[in-house]
Amino acid sequence: MSNNRNVRERDELHKVIWSIADDLRGSVDGWDFKQYILGIMFYRYISENITNYINDGERRNPGAEDFDYAQISDEMAESERESLVKEKGFFILPSELFCNVCKRAKSDENLNETLENIFNNIENSAKGAESEDDFAGLFADLDVNSNKLGATVAKRNDKLVKILDGIANINLGKYQDNSIDAFGDAYEFLMSMYASNAGKSGGEFYTPQEVSELLTRLAVLGKKSVNKVYDPACGSGSLLLKAAKILGKENVRNGFYGQEVNLTTYNLCRINMFLHDVGYDKFDIACEDTLVSPQHWDDEPFEVIVSNPPYSIKWAGDENPLLINDPRYSPAGVLAPKSKADFAFIMHSLSWLATNGTASIVCFPGILYRGGAEQKIRKYLVDNNFVDCIIQLPDNLFFGTSIATCIMVLKKSKKDNSVLFIDASKECVKVTNNNKLSDENIDNIVNVFDERTDKEYVTKLVSNKEIAENSYNLSVSTYVEKEDTREVIDINELNKKIDEIVAREQRLRDEINKIISEIEV
């Protein structure tokens, strides 16, 4: 498909989504409203997904070329419930499909109740099935009875009709025919739109696409296929899905794994998996605190780990006497400080990493040079040769923070006993008030990462021994010299010019004094 068609489809999609969001702005905060737009979009997606699946199967039978699941009775459909739940992971009655609810929406005085019942029915259809965990509580944040939608039932239903109509009018075409991942792209556009307007609340849940691209390309470099991809602080799943896009879903053999402590974001992540057509049996997202209650103990280690964990959050640390014996943290002999959990996420990721795997993690710059427990953890990582690369990123890349963050790349099977330091602080383009990584910027960073050689002012390959001599400081500025862009000044030439100026001034003074003397005479 041509790139022009991609751009055209994407622009059209973004324009429609913006108009829906703009129409509904006002009484409801955008970040809250996102739940409704994404939730209803997801409802449309799974309705069309199951309808297309059934229709494609039925229309292969002679005489059934015009079969349409949306037109048959609920009674007729019930007979296929069990087999559909096994195949698709869920079931929706024809009367409860998005298209049929939209037709009746304006005349349904109890639309909020209708939708609430349908969402419960979809979740309950997976109960007792393998897909139960993927669907349980999926619509929990879509509160159709919330006062945020309106003070009365009538006002709430009026807003719901607007959302249903707006999403019904998005031209997604036939899913397979789109040159863009239409549902997935709509999701990403909404997330970035609201995140940029919501400051910190958005930044906590959203990693800009170009940063996701860089992190993932670093982690999958040299790999054609991997066993699994994992993110211990997966947010809405953008990093996991970026790996699916770069490697191809079929090349992630055992699927996508993640953990997220925030319930709303956990639900968004699961919705995002479905919107990107990842089957229920190909992802395992858990809702728990990764640092104290990890949910993937029993899984084999992960070949690819990508993560942008929250910066310097508080955690239990040494208040919990069990954690120092936790096999994820005990090898370093010390826990990350209670007020700064950054290294707890790094140690957790290292523990979950396969011998032939790569982890790329966004981290706060302070952890690279501070003393105390963090220095001891850096010592453990360097002495055991787990740190592959440290990359200094430009500032102002993330929503909600202007801090210049870094990327730490970890490997368990390195070919040398050195760490590559990359100064990528200038690799960005200015977009309004933020910096952005262009495709060229990303290519440049990945190329120097791959080459792993010294390049003046950009990269430096430093032995672990030298890092130890520098008190295990892992700041890029310690090893990569900054280019001095100041003008070189010749002091002798400068002094000569000053002498000339002083002499010229003296001549002028003499001439002025002469003129004044003549006037006085």
Protein backbone atom coordinates (compact mmCIF):
# COMPACT_ATOMS: atom_id res chain seq x y z
CA MET A 1 0.00 0.00 0.00
CA SER A 2 1.30 3.45 -0.84
CA ASN A 3 2.48 5.78 1.87
CA ASN A 4 0.09 8.48 0.54
CA ARG A 5 -2.88 6.23 1.16
CA ASN A 6 -1.61 5.56 4.68
CA VAL A 7 -1.37 9.28 5.40
CA ARG A 8 -4.81 9.97 3.87
CA GLU A 9 -6.52 7.21 5.86
CA ARG A 10 -4.77 8.26 9.07
CA ASP A 11 -5.60 11.95 8.63
CA GLU A 12 -9.25 11.16 7.95
CA LEU A 13 -9.40 8.93 11.02
CA HIS A 14 -7.77 11.54 13.27
CA LYS A 15 -10.09 14.29 12.00
CA VAL A 16 -13.22 12.30 12.88
CA ILE A 17 -11.92 11.28 16.32
CA TRP A 18 -10.96 14.86 17.09
CA SER A 19 -14.47 16.06 16.18
CA ILE A 20 -16.11 13.44 18.47
CA ALA A 21 -13.81 14.39 21.35
CA ASP A 22 -14.30 18.10 20.66
CA ASP A 23 -18.09 17.71 20.59
CA LEU A 24 -18.05 15.96 23.96
CA ARG A 25 -15.58 18.25 25.70
CA GLY A 26 -16.71 20.61 28.43
CA SER A 27 -18.44 19.00 31.39
CA VAL A 28 -16.17 15.96 31.34
CA ASP A 29 -12.40 16.14 31.63
CA GLY A 30 -10.75 14.83 28.46
CA TRP A 31 -8.73 12.22 30.28
CA ASP A 32 -11.95 10.78 31.80
CA PHE A 33 -13.78 11.01 28.52
CA LYS A 34 -11.12 8.94 26.84
CA GLN A 35 -12.51 5.91 28.71
CA TYR A 36 -15.90 6.32 27.04
CA ILE A 37 -14.56 6.86 23.54
CA LEU A 38 -12.08 3.99 23.77
CA GLY A 39 -14.58 1.71 25.52
CA ILE A 40 -17.28 2.23 22.87
CA MET A 41 -14.68 1.93 20.12
CA PHE A 42 -13.66 -1.41 21.63
CA TYR A 43 -17.34 -2.47 21.77
CA ARG A 44 -17.66 -1.67 18.06
CA TYR A 45 -14.43 -3.53 17.30
CA ILE A 46 -15.35 -6.81 19.00
CA SER A 47 -18.90 -6.64 17.55
CA GLU A 48 -17.52 -6.34 14.01
CA ASN A 49 -14.75 -8.82 14.74
CA ILE A 50 -17.13 -11.61 15.79
CA THR A 51 -19.64 -10.75 13.03
CA ASN A 52 -16.97 -10.91 10.30
CA TYR A 53 -15.60 -14.15 11.75
CA ILE A 54 -19.02 -15.85 11.73
CA ASN A 55 -20.03 -14.42 8.33
CA ASP A 56 -16.78 -15.55 6.67
CA GLY A 57 -17.35 -19.09 7.94
CA GLU A 58 -21.06 -19.30 7.06
CA ARG A 59 -20.79 -17.73 3.60
CA ARG A 60 -18.55 -20.56 2.43
CA ASN A 61 -21.62 -22.83 2.53
CA PRO A 62 -23.63 -23.15 -0.71
CA GLY A 63 -26.69 -20.87 -0.73
CA ALA A 64 -25.49 -18.84 2.29
CA GLU A 65 -23.55 -16.16 0.39
CA ASP A 66 -25.73 -13.40 1.93
CA PHE A 67 -25.68 -14.69 5.50
CA ASP A 68 -25.41 -11.89 8.08
CA TYR A 69 -24.98 -12.69 11.77
CA ALA A 70 -26.38 -9.25 12.69
CA GLN A 71 -29.72 -10.20 11.09
CA ILE A 72 -30.40 -13.58 12.71
CA SER A 73 -32.38 -14.19 15.92
CA ASP A 74 -30.75 -14.45 19.33
CA GLU A 75 -32.26 -17.94 19.70
CA MET A 76 -30.56 -19.17 16.54
CA ALA A 77 -27.25 -17.67 17.62
CA GLU A 78 -27.34 -19.27 21.11
CA SER A 79 -26.62 -22.70 19.66
CA GLU A 80 -23.11 -21.51 18.64
CA ARG A 81 -22.25 -19.81 21.93
CA GLU A 82 -20.00 -22.55 23.31
CA SER A 83 -17.94 -23.08 20.14
CA LEU A 84 -17.53 -19.32 19.61
CA VAL A 85 -16.24 -18.75 23.15
CA LYS A 86 -13.65 -21.49 22.55
CA GLU A 87 -12.54 -19.95 19.26
CA LYS A 88 -12.86 -16.21 19.91
CA GLY A 89 -12.79 -16.06 23.71
CA PHE A 90 -16.17 -14.26 23.98
CA PHE A 91 -19.73 -14.19 22.61
CA ILE A 92 -22.19 -11.41 21.65
CA LEU A 93 -25.85 -11.98 20.79
CA PRO A 94 -26.99 -10.43 17.46
CA SER A 95 -29.37 -8.04 19.25
CA GLU A 96 -26.48 -6.81 21.39
CA LEU A 97 -24.09 -6.06 18.51
CA PHE A 98 -22.87 -2.47 18.20
CA CYS A 99 -24.62 -1.88 14.85
CA ASN A 100 -28.02 -3.03 16.21
CA VAL A 101 -27.74 -1.03 19.42
CA CYS A 102 -26.87 2.10 17.37
CA LYS A 103 -30.06 1.70 15.31
CA ARG A 104 -32.21 1.69 18.46
CA ALA A 105 -30.13 4.14 20.55
CA LYS A 106 -32.12 7.37 19.99
CA SER A 107 -35.45 5.75 20.86
CA ASP A 108 -34.10 3.73 23.83
CA GLU A 109 -35.01 5.65 26.99
CA ASN A 110 -32.98 3.16 29.02
CA LEU A 111 -29.89 3.23 26.79
CA ASN A 112 -27.53 3.44 29.78
CA GLU A 113 -29.07 0.26 31.26
CA THR A 114 -29.05 -1.46 27.87
CA LEU A 115 -25.32 -0.80 27.45
CA GLU A 116 -24.51 -1.77 31.04
CA ASN A 117 -26.29 -5.14 30.56
CA ILE A 118 -24.53 -5.76 27.24
CA PHE A 119 -21.09 -5.05 28.71
CA ASN A 120 -21.83 -7.40 31.62
CA ASN A 121 -23.03 -10.07 29.18
CA ILE A 122 -19.85 -9.83 27.09
CA GLU A 123 -17.64 -10.17 30.19
CA ASN A 124 -19.77 -13.03 31.57
CA SER A 125 -19.64 -14.90 28.24
CA ALA A 126 -15.96 -15.66 28.97
CA LYS A 127 -16.54 -16.92 32.53
CA GLY A 128 -15.19 -20.41 33.02
CA ALA A 129 -13.33 -20.24 29.69
CA GLU A 130 -9.59 -19.89 29.04
CA SER A 131 -10.20 -16.25 28.11
CA GLU A 132 -11.88 -15.35 31.44
CA ASP A 133 -8.90 -13.34 32.78
CA ASP A 134 -8.66 -11.34 29.55
CA PHE A 135 -12.30 -10.22 29.70
CA ALA A 136 -13.01 -9.93 33.45
CA GLY A 137 -13.74 -6.30 34.37
CA LEU A 138 -12.83 -5.09 30.89
CA PHE A 139 -15.65 -2.53 30.83
CA ALA A 140 -15.27 -1.59 34.53
CA ASP A 141 -14.21 1.99 33.73
CA LEU A 142 -17.02 2.56 31.27
CA ASP A 143 -19.55 3.82 33.83
CA VAL A 144 -22.66 4.64 31.78
CA ASN A 145 -24.43 5.88 34.93
CA SER A 146 -21.75 8.39 35.92
CA ASN A 147 -22.72 11.97 36.71
CA LYS A 148 -19.73 12.93 34.58
CA LEU A 149 -21.91 12.13 31.56
CA GLY A 150 -24.80 14.28 32.77
CA ALA A 151 -26.93 15.11 35.80
CA THR A 152 -29.98 13.16 34.62
CA VAL A 153 -30.54 9.84 32.83
CA ALA A 154 -31.84 11.74 29.79
CA LYS A 155 -28.69 13.91 29.61
CA ARG A 156 -26.44 10.87 30.09
CA ASN A 157 -28.22 9.00 27.33
CA ASP A 158 -27.96 12.02 25.03
CA LYS A 159 -24.16 11.95 25.45
CA LEU A 160 -24.06 8.18 24.93
CA VAL A 161 -26.03 8.53 21.67
CA LYS A 162 -23.48 11.14 20.48
CA ILE A 163 -20.58 8.81 21.28
CA LEU A 164 -22.27 5.81 19.59
CA ASP A 165 -23.10 7.88 16.47
CA GLY A 166 -19.63 9.41 16.30
CA ILE A 167 -17.87 6.07 16.55
CA ALA A 168 -20.34 4.44 14.13
CA ASN A 169 -19.45 7.14 11.58
CA ILE A 170 -15.70 6.51 11.71
CA ASN A 171 -14.94 4.99 8.32
CA LEU A 172 -12.87 1.97 9.27
CA GLY A 173 -13.76 0.02 6.12
CA LYS A 174 -13.17 -3.70 6.11
CA TYR A 175 -10.54 -4.37 8.73
CA GLN A 176 -8.42 -6.56 6.44
CA ASP A 177 -8.49 -3.97 3.61
CA ASN A 178 -7.09 -1.07 5.61
CA SER A 179 -3.52 -0.11 4.86
CA ILE A 180 -3.26 1.19 8.43
CA ASP A 181 -4.17 -0.57 11.66
CA ALA A 182 -7.29 1.60 11.92
CA PHE A 183 -8.56 0.65 15.37
CA GLY A 184 -5.07 0.57 16.83
CA ASP A 185 -4.15 3.88 15.25
CA ALA A 186 -7.35 5.49 16.56
CA TYR A 187 -6.43 4.29 20.04
CA GLU A 188 -2.89 5.68 19.80
CA PHE A 189 -4.11 9.04 18.48
CA LEU A 190 -6.57 9.38 21.35
CA MET A 191 -3.96 8.44 23.91
CA SER A 192 -1.42 10.96 22.60
CA MET A 193 -4.10 13.64 22.19
CA TYR A 194 -5.29 13.34 25.77
CA ALA A 195 -1.85 12.68 27.23
CA SER A 196 -0.47 15.91 25.75
CA ASN A 197 -3.41 17.83 27.23
CA ALA A 198 -3.45 16.05 30.58
CA GLY A 199 0.10 16.71 31.74
CA LYS A 200 1.33 14.25 34.33
CA SER A 201 -1.80 12.11 34.44
CA GLY A 202 -1.28 11.38 30.76
CA GLY A 203 2.48 10.95 30.97
CA GLU A 204 2.16 8.23 33.59
CA PHE A 205 0.30 6.02 31.14
CA TYR A 206 1.73 6.88 27.79
CA THR A 207 5.13 6.50 26.13
CA PRO A 208 5.39 8.58 22.91
CA GLN A 209 5.42 6.36 19.84
CA GLU A 210 8.90 7.37 18.68
CA VAL A 211 10.40 6.57 22.10
CA SER A 212 8.61 3.19 21.98
CA GLU A 213 10.09 2.65 18.53
CA LEU A 214 13.65 3.35 19.73
CA LEU A 215 13.36 1.22 22.89
CA THR A 216 11.96 -1.71 20.96
CA ARG A 217 14.42 -1.55 18.09
CA LEU A 218 17.29 -1.61 20.58
CA ALA A 219 15.80 -4.68 22.30
CA VAL A 220 15.04 -6.69 19.15
CA LEU A 221 18.18 -5.77 17.17
CA GLY A 222 19.53 -8.85 15.41
CA LYS A 223 16.47 -10.97 16.20
CA LYS A 224 14.02 -12.26 13.59
CA SER A 225 11.75 -13.99 16.11
CA VAL A 226 11.54 -14.23 19.92
CA ASN A 227 9.75 -16.37 22.46
CA LYS A 228 7.91 -13.56 24.30
CA VAL A 229 7.89 -9.83 24.94
CA TYR A 230 7.48 -8.46 28.48
CA ASP A 231 6.91 -5.08 30.13
CA PRO A 232 6.84 -5.00 33.97
CA ALA A 233 5.11 -1.59 34.01
CA CYS A 234 3.13 -1.94 30.81
CA GLY A 235 0.71 0.99 31.10
CA SER A 236 -1.60 0.91 28.11
CA GLY A 237 0.63 -1.61 26.28
CA SER A 238 2.20 0.65 23.65
CA LEU A 239 5.68 -0.87 24.09
CA LEU A 240 4.41 -4.45 23.82
CA LEU A 241 2.50 -3.60 20.64
CA LYS A 242 5.47 -1.77 19.15
CA ALA A 243 7.37 -5.08 19.37
CA ALA A 244 4.44 -6.76 17.59
CA LYS A 245 4.67 -4.15 14.84
CA ILE A 246 8.46 -4.30 14.41
CA LEU A 247 8.90 -8.08 14.63
CA GLY A 248 5.46 -9.07 13.32
CA LYS A 249 2.92 -10.72 15.67
CA GLU A 250 3.62 -14.11 14.16
CA ASN A 251 7.31 -13.80 15.12
CA VAL A 252 6.53 -13.44 18.84
CA ARG A 253 5.91 -17.13 19.31
CA ASN A 254 4.40 -17.28 22.80
CA GLY A 255 2.86 -13.83 23.03
CA PHE A 256 2.91 -10.62 25.03
CA TYR A 257 3.19 -10.35 28.81
CA GLY A 258 2.85 -7.37 31.09
CA GLN A 259 1.93 -6.16 34.55
CA GLU A 260 0.23 -2.91 35.56
CA VAL A 261 -0.81 -1.73 39.03
CA ASN A 262 -3.34 0.90 37.88
CA LEU A 263 -6.74 -0.74 37.22
CA THR A 264 -7.87 1.80 34.61
CA THR A 265 -4.63 1.51 32.65
CA TYR A 266 -4.67 -2.29 33.00
CA ASN A 267 -8.12 -2.34 31.35
CA LEU A 268 -6.88 -0.01 28.62
CA CYS A 269 -3.95 -2.33 27.97
CA ARG A 270 -6.18 -5.36 27.48
CA ILE A 271 -8.52 -3.35 25.24
CA ASN A 272 -5.47 -2.22 23.26
CA MET A 273 -4.40 -5.84 22.72
CA PHE A 274 -7.79 -6.70 21.24
CA LEU A 275 -7.89 -3.50 19.14
CA HIS A 276 -4.57 -4.54 17.59
CA ASP A 277 -5.99 -7.98 16.80
CA VAL A 278 -3.85 -9.88 19.33
CA GLY A 279 -5.77 -13.08 20.18
CA TYR A 280 -6.85 -13.69 23.79
CA ASP A 281 -4.48 -16.68 23.96
CA LYS A 282 -1.52 -14.53 22.85
CA PHE A 283 -1.38 -12.09 25.76
CA ASP A 284 -1.20 -12.27 29.53
CA ILE A 285 -1.60 -8.93 31.29
CA ALA A 286 -1.81 -8.92 35.11
CA CYS A 287 -3.04 -6.24 37.53
CA GLU A 288 -0.77 -6.20 40.61
CA ASP A 289 2.23 -4.32 42.00
CA THR A 290 5.16 -5.78 40.04
CA LEU A 291 7.74 -4.98 42.70
CA VAL A 292 6.10 -6.80 45.61
CA SER A 293 3.68 -9.15 43.84
CA PRO A 294 5.07 -10.29 40.46
CA GLN A 295 2.62 -12.39 38.47
CA HIS A 296 4.84 -14.24 36.02
CA TRP A 297 7.14 -16.22 38.35
CA ASP A 298 6.42 -19.51 36.65
CA ASP A 299 6.93 -18.42 33.04
CA GLU A 300 10.14 -19.05 31.16
CA PRO A 301 12.43 -15.98 30.98
CA PHE A 302 11.72 -13.36 28.31
CA GLU A 303 13.91 -12.72 25.27
CA VAL A 304 12.69 -9.13 24.92
CA ILE A 305 11.90 -6.76 27.81
CA VAL A 306 10.92 -3.16 27.06
CA SER A 307 9.86 -0.75 29.78
CA ASN A 308 9.32 2.86 30.79
CA PRO A 309 8.67 2.37 34.53
CA PRO A 310 7.48 5.30 36.70
CA TYR A 311 10.42 7.50 37.74
CA SER A 312 11.56 7.49 41.37
CA ILE A 313 8.31 6.31 42.97
CA LYS A 314 8.14 5.13 46.58
CA TRP A 315 8.02 1.41 47.34
CA ALA A 316 8.19 -0.91 50.37
CA GLY A 317 11.98 -1.42 50.14
CA ASP A 318 13.62 -2.47 53.42
CA GLU A 319 10.36 -1.89 55.34
CA ASN A 320 9.38 -5.31 54.02
CA PRO A 321 11.87 -7.81 55.56
CA LEU A 322 10.99 -10.43 52.92
CA LEU A 323 12.21 -8.38 49.98
CA ILE A 324 15.96 -8.63 50.72
CA ASN A 325 15.60 -12.41 50.32
CA ASP A 326 13.56 -12.07 47.13
CA PRO A 327 15.64 -13.80 44.40
CA ARG A 328 15.10 -10.80 42.13
CA TYR A 329 16.78 -8.35 44.52
CA SER A 330 19.04 -10.47 46.77
CA PRO A 331 21.95 -10.89 44.29
CA ALA A 332 22.83 -7.17 44.64
CA GLY A 333 22.88 -7.52 48.45
CA VAL A 334 20.93 -4.29 48.88
CA LEU A 335 17.48 -2.94 48.00
CA ALA A 336 16.68 0.19 46.01
CA PRO A 337 15.92 3.13 48.37
CA LYS A 338 12.35 3.35 49.67
CA SER A 339 11.91 6.75 48.06
CA LYS A 340 13.31 5.72 44.67
CA ALA A 341 12.17 2.37 43.23
CA ASP A 342 13.98 2.79 39.88
CA PHE A 343 16.59 0.09 40.52
CA ALA A 344 13.92 -2.28 41.88
CA PHE A 345 12.33 -2.25 38.40
CA ILE A 346 15.75 -2.75 36.79
CA MET A 347 16.66 -5.70 39.07
CA HIS A 348 13.22 -7.22 38.47
CA SER A 349 13.67 -6.95 34.68
CA LEU A 350 17.15 -8.46 34.86
CA SER A 351 15.78 -11.39 36.84
CA TRP A 352 13.05 -12.03 34.26
CA LEU A 353 15.48 -11.73 31.29
CA ALA A 354 16.43 -14.79 29.21
CA THR A 355 20.13 -15.67 28.86
CA ASN A 356 20.02 -14.65 25.18
CA GLY A 357 17.66 -11.71 25.82
CA THR A 358 17.88 -7.92 25.80
CA ALA A 359 16.11 -5.46 28.11
CA SER A 360 15.86 -1.77 27.23
CA ILE A 361 14.57 0.44 30.04
CA VAL A 362 13.96 4.20 30.26
CA CYS A 363 15.47 5.50 33.49
CA PHE A 364 15.84 8.67 35.52
CA PRO A 365 19.39 10.14 35.20
CA GLY A 366 19.96 10.42 38.98
CA ILE A 367 20.20 6.65 39.40
CA LEU A 368 23.32 6.58 37.23
CA TYR A 369 25.54 8.60 39.58
CA ARG A 370 24.03 8.79 43.10
CA GLY A 371 25.80 7.03 45.98
CA GLY A 372 24.47 4.70 48.67
CA ALA A 373 22.35 1.68 47.78
CA GLU A 374 22.06 2.75 44.14
CA GLN A 375 25.85 2.78 43.77
CA LYS A 376 26.02 -0.75 45.25
CA ILE A 377 23.42 -1.99 42.73
CA ARG A 378 25.38 -0.38 39.87
CA LYS A 379 28.50 -2.17 41.18
CA TYR A 380 26.65 -5.50 41.04
CA LEU A 381 25.41 -4.83 37.49
CA VAL A 382 28.81 -3.72 36.17
CA ASP A 383 30.92 -6.35 37.97
CA ASN A 384 28.65 -9.07 36.56
CA ASN A 385 28.80 -7.52 33.08
CA PHE A 386 25.05 -7.04 32.67
CA VAL A 387 25.10 -3.40 31.49
CA ASP A 388 25.40 -3.30 27.71
CA CYS A 389 24.74 0.34 26.93
CA ILE A 390 23.66 3.68 28.44
CA ILE A 391 22.05 6.26 26.13
CA GLN A 392 21.52 9.91 27.07
CA LEU A 393 18.28 11.09 25.44
CA PRO A 394 17.26 14.71 24.66
CA ASP A 395 15.17 16.58 27.20
CA ASN A 396 11.45 17.32 26.77
CA LEU A 397 10.58 14.03 25.00
CA PHE A 398 7.84 12.89 27.38
CA PHE A 399 4.44 14.34 28.24
CA GLY A 400 4.41 15.82 31.72
CA THR A 401 8.18 16.04 32.29
CA SER A 402 10.99 18.02 30.67
CA ILE A 403 13.75 15.86 32.21
CA ALA A 404 16.40 14.45 29.88
CA THR A 405 15.98 10.72 30.54
CA CYS A 406 18.32 7.84 29.70
CA ILE A 407 18.00 4.31 28.36
CA MET A 408 19.75 1.41 30.06
CA VAL A 409 20.25 -1.70 27.92
CA LEU A 410 20.86 -4.95 29.83
CA LYS A 411 22.15 -8.28 28.50
CA LYS A 412 23.16 -11.49 30.25
CA SER A 413 25.41 -12.76 27.45
CA LYS A 414 27.71 -9.98 26.29
CA LYS A 415 30.63 -10.38 23.90
CA ASP A 416 32.89 -7.90 25.75
CA ASN A 417 33.51 -6.56 29.26
CA SER A 418 32.65 -2.99 28.40
CA VAL A 419 29.73 -0.58 28.41
CA LEU A 420 28.86 1.55 25.38
CA PHE A 421 27.95 5.16 26.27
CA ILE A 422 25.96 7.14 23.69
CA ASP A 423 25.28 10.87 23.85
CA ALA A 424 22.04 11.24 21.84
CA SER A 425 21.05 14.51 23.55
CA LYS A 426 21.09 16.36 20.22
CA GLU A 427 19.22 13.67 18.27
CA CYS A 428 15.80 15.36 18.11
CA VAL A 429 13.62 17.79 16.20
CA LYS A 430 11.61 20.58 17.82
CA VAL A 431 7.81 20.21 17.65
CA THR A 432 5.94 23.07 19.37
CA ASN A 433 7.12 22.97 23.01
CA ASN A 434 8.39 19.38 22.91
CA ASN A 435 11.30 17.57 21.33
CA LYS A 436 10.62 14.58 19.14
CA LEU A 437 12.74 11.75 17.76
CA SER A 438 12.51 11.67 13.96
CA ASP A 439 13.01 8.45 11.96
CA GLU A 440 16.50 9.70 11.11
CA ASN A 441 17.28 10.34 14.81
CA ILE A 442 16.16 6.81 15.71
CA ASP A 443 18.20 5.29 12.86
CA ASN A 444 21.30 7.22 13.97
CA ILE A 445 21.00 6.01 17.57
CA VAL A 446 20.34 2.37 16.57
CA ASN A 447 23.28 2.44 14.12
CA VAL A 448 25.84 3.66 16.67
CA PHE A 449 24.41 1.16 19.18
CA ASP A 450 24.92 -1.62 16.63
CA GLU A 451 28.45 -0.49 15.60
CA ARG A 452 29.65 -0.40 19.23
CA THR A 453 32.77 1.66 18.51
CA ASP A 454 34.14 5.02 19.66
CA LYS A 455 32.91 8.09 17.79
CA GLU A 456 34.13 11.51 18.94
CA TYR A 457 31.52 13.46 20.94
CA VAL A 458 28.92 10.69 20.34
CA THR A 459 29.99 7.26 21.65
CA LYS A 460 32.62 5.76 23.90
CA LEU A 461 33.20 2.09 24.68
CA VAL A 462 34.43 1.97 28.28
CA SER A 463 35.84 -1.05 30.09
CA ASN A 464 34.11 -2.23 33.26
CA LYS A 465 37.47 -1.71 35.01
CA GLU A 466 37.47 2.00 34.14
CA ILE A 467 33.86 2.33 35.31
CA ALA A 468 34.84 0.73 38.64
CA GLU A 469 37.68 3.27 38.95
CA ASN A 470 35.06 6.00 38.44
CA SER A 471 33.05 4.75 41.47
CA TYR A 472 30.64 2.91 39.15
CA ASN A 473 29.36 6.17 37.72
CA LEU A 474 27.25 5.38 34.64
CA SER A 475 26.50 8.95 33.48
CA VAL A 476 27.16 9.41 29.78
CA SER A 477 28.74 12.85 30.39
CA THR A 478 31.49 11.19 32.48
CA TYR A 479 32.80 9.29 29.45
CA VAL A 480 31.63 11.07 26.28
CA GLU A 481 33.25 14.46 25.85
CA LYS A 482 30.91 17.28 24.82
CA GLU A 483 31.88 19.08 21.64
CA ASP A 484 33.04 22.60 22.44
CA THR A 485 31.08 24.79 20.03
CA ARG A 486 32.46 28.04 21.43
CA GLU A 487 34.47 30.26 19.08
CA VAL A 488 38.23 29.79 19.39
CA ILE A 489 39.89 33.10 20.34
CA ASP A 490 43.52 33.99 19.56
CA ILE A 491 44.59 35.94 22.67
CA ASN A 492 47.56 37.62 20.92
CA GLU A 493 45.35 38.81 18.09
CA LEU A 494 42.79 40.02 20.62
CA ASN A 495 45.45 41.98 22.58
CA LYS A 496 46.71 43.54 19.34
CA LYS A 497 43.17 44.69 18.48
CA ILE A 498 42.69 46.12 21.98
CA ASP A 499 45.98 48.07 21.63
CA GLU A 500 44.79 49.47 18.29
CA ILE A 501 41.44 50.51 19.79
CA VAL A 502 43.17 52.21 22.77
CA ALA A 503 45.55 54.07 20.41
CA ARG A 504 42.63 55.15 18.18
CA GLU A 505 40.70 56.38 21.25
CA GLN A 506 43.76 58.39 22.36
CA ARG A 507 44.06 60.04 18.93
CA LEU A 508 40.36 60.95 19.05
CA ARG A 509 40.76 62.44 22.53
CA ASP A 510 43.76 64.49 21.37
CA GLU A 511 41.81 65.81 18.37
CA ILE A 512 38.77 66.64 20.55
CA ASN A 513 40.99 68.48 23.07
CA LYS A 514 42.60 70.44 20.20
CA ILE A 515 39.16 71.51 18.87
CA ILE A 516 38.03 72.55 22.38
CA SER A 517 41.25 74.62 22.86
CA GLU A 518 40.69 76.44 19.55
CA ILE A 519 37.04 77.23 20.48
CA GLU A 520 38.11 78.60 23.87
CA VAL A 521 40.75 80.89 22.22
